[in-house]
């Protein structure tokens, strides 16, 4: 994956307290949230975690997210694409 994807993944792991995982352990296309992950292959996040992700993206990349942007929380790849598009259009 690209550097931005690695940075975002690292930020997620740190902010969400996954101290036992490394970026290379994460499948960037796996679902992040338990509700969208019937196979149990993702991180198993919940709605409280989404608030921490929003705060991390804002702090790290100066990108604000609204309720209509929540669809990007599918996986690390979709978050990376969203952040990249916002940073490039700024």
Protein backbone atom coordinates (compact mmCIF):
# COMPACT_ATOMS: atom_id res chain seq x y z
CA UNK A 1 0.00 0.00 0.00
CA UNK A 2 1.07 3.58 -0.38
CA UNK A 3 2.56 5.82 2.30
CA UNK A 4 -0.71 7.62 3.01
CA UNK A 5 -2.49 4.32 3.55
CA UNK A 6 0.25 3.18 5.92
CA UNK A 7 0.08 6.48 7.82
CA UNK A 8 -3.69 6.27 8.17
CA UNK A 9 -3.53 2.65 9.27
CA UNK A 10 -0.86 3.49 11.86
CA UNK A 11 -2.98 6.38 13.14
CA UNK A 12 -5.99 4.06 13.48
CA UNK A 13 -4.01 1.46 15.38
CA UNK A 14 -2.55 4.03 17.76
CA UNK A 15 -5.75 5.99 18.41
CA UNK A 16 -7.85 2.86 18.88
CA UNK A 17 -5.38 1.11 21.18
CA UNK A 18 -4.39 -1.84 19.00
CA UNK A 19 -0.92 -2.00 20.55
CA UNK A 20 -0.47 -5.64 19.60
CA UNK A 21 -0.97 -5.03 15.85
CA UNK A 22 1.32 -3.59 13.19
CA UNK A 23 0.39 -1.97 9.89
CA UNK A 24 1.56 -5.05 8.00
CA UNK A 25 -0.92 -7.18 10.01
CA UNK A 26 -3.90 -5.26 8.62
CA UNK A 27 -5.79 -6.14 5.45
CA UNK A 28 -6.52 -2.66 4.06
CA UNK A 29 -9.59 -3.99 2.22
CA UNK A 30 -11.15 -5.79 5.22
CA UNK A 31 -14.24 -4.23 6.82
CA UNK A 32 -13.39 -2.07 9.83
CA UNK A 33 -16.70 -2.30 11.67
CA UNK A 34 -18.20 -5.39 13.26
CA UNK A 35 -21.66 -4.65 11.83
CA UNK A 36 -20.31 -4.90 8.28
CA UNK A 37 -18.05 -7.87 8.95
CA UNK A 38 -19.97 -11.15 9.28
CA UNK A 39 -16.79 -13.14 8.62
CA UNK A 40 -14.92 -11.48 11.49
CA UNK A 41 -11.82 -10.63 9.44
CA UNK A 42 -11.63 -6.90 10.23
CA UNK A 43 -10.91 -4.89 13.37
CA UNK A 44 -14.43 -5.19 14.80
CA UNK A 45 -14.89 -1.49 15.47
CA UNK A 46 -18.07 0.19 16.71
CA UNK A 47 -19.67 3.64 16.51
CA UNK A 48 -17.58 5.04 19.37
CA UNK A 49 -14.45 4.12 17.40
CA UNK A 50 -15.74 6.09 14.42
CA UNK A 51 -15.60 9.28 16.51
CA UNK A 52 -11.96 8.60 17.30
CA UNK A 53 -11.24 8.04 13.60
CA UNK A 54 -12.90 11.35 12.70
CA UNK A 55 -10.81 13.13 15.35
CA UNK A 56 -7.63 11.47 14.11
CA UNK A 57 -8.26 12.40 10.50
CA UNK A 58 -8.99 15.98 11.46
CA UNK A 59 -5.91 16.25 13.66
CA UNK A 60 -3.51 14.46 11.31
CA UNK A 61 -4.71 15.76 7.94
CA UNK A 62 -6.86 18.85 8.70
CA UNK A 63 -9.76 17.12 6.96
CA UNK A 64 -13.22 17.63 8.40
CA UNK A 65 -15.83 14.94 8.04
CA UNK A 66 -19.59 15.27 8.09
CA UNK A 67 -22.35 12.74 8.57
CA UNK A 68 -22.58 12.28 4.82
CA UNK A 69 -18.91 11.21 4.74
CA UNK A 70 -19.36 8.22 7.06
CA UNK A 71 -19.66 5.85 4.10
CA UNK A 72 -15.87 6.02 3.74
CA UNK A 73 -15.42 3.99 6.93
CA UNK A 74 -15.73 0.76 4.98
CA UNK A 75 -12.02 -0.08 5.22
CA UNK A 76 -8.55 1.49 5.32
CA UNK A 77 -8.49 1.83 1.53
CA UNK A 78 -11.72 3.84 1.39
CA UNK A 79 -10.57 6.13 4.20
CA UNK A 80 -7.25 6.64 2.41
CA UNK A 81 -8.97 7.50 -0.87
CA UNK A 82 -11.23 9.99 0.92
CA UNK A 83 -8.37 11.72 2.74
CA UNK A 84 -6.27 11.83 -0.43
CA UNK A 85 -9.12 13.43 -2.40
CA UNK A 86 -9.70 16.07 0.29
CA UNK A 87 -6.01 16.91 0.69
CA UNK A 88 -5.46 17.14 -3.06
CA UNK A 89 -8.49 19.39 -3.54
CA UNK A 90 -7.48 21.77 -0.74
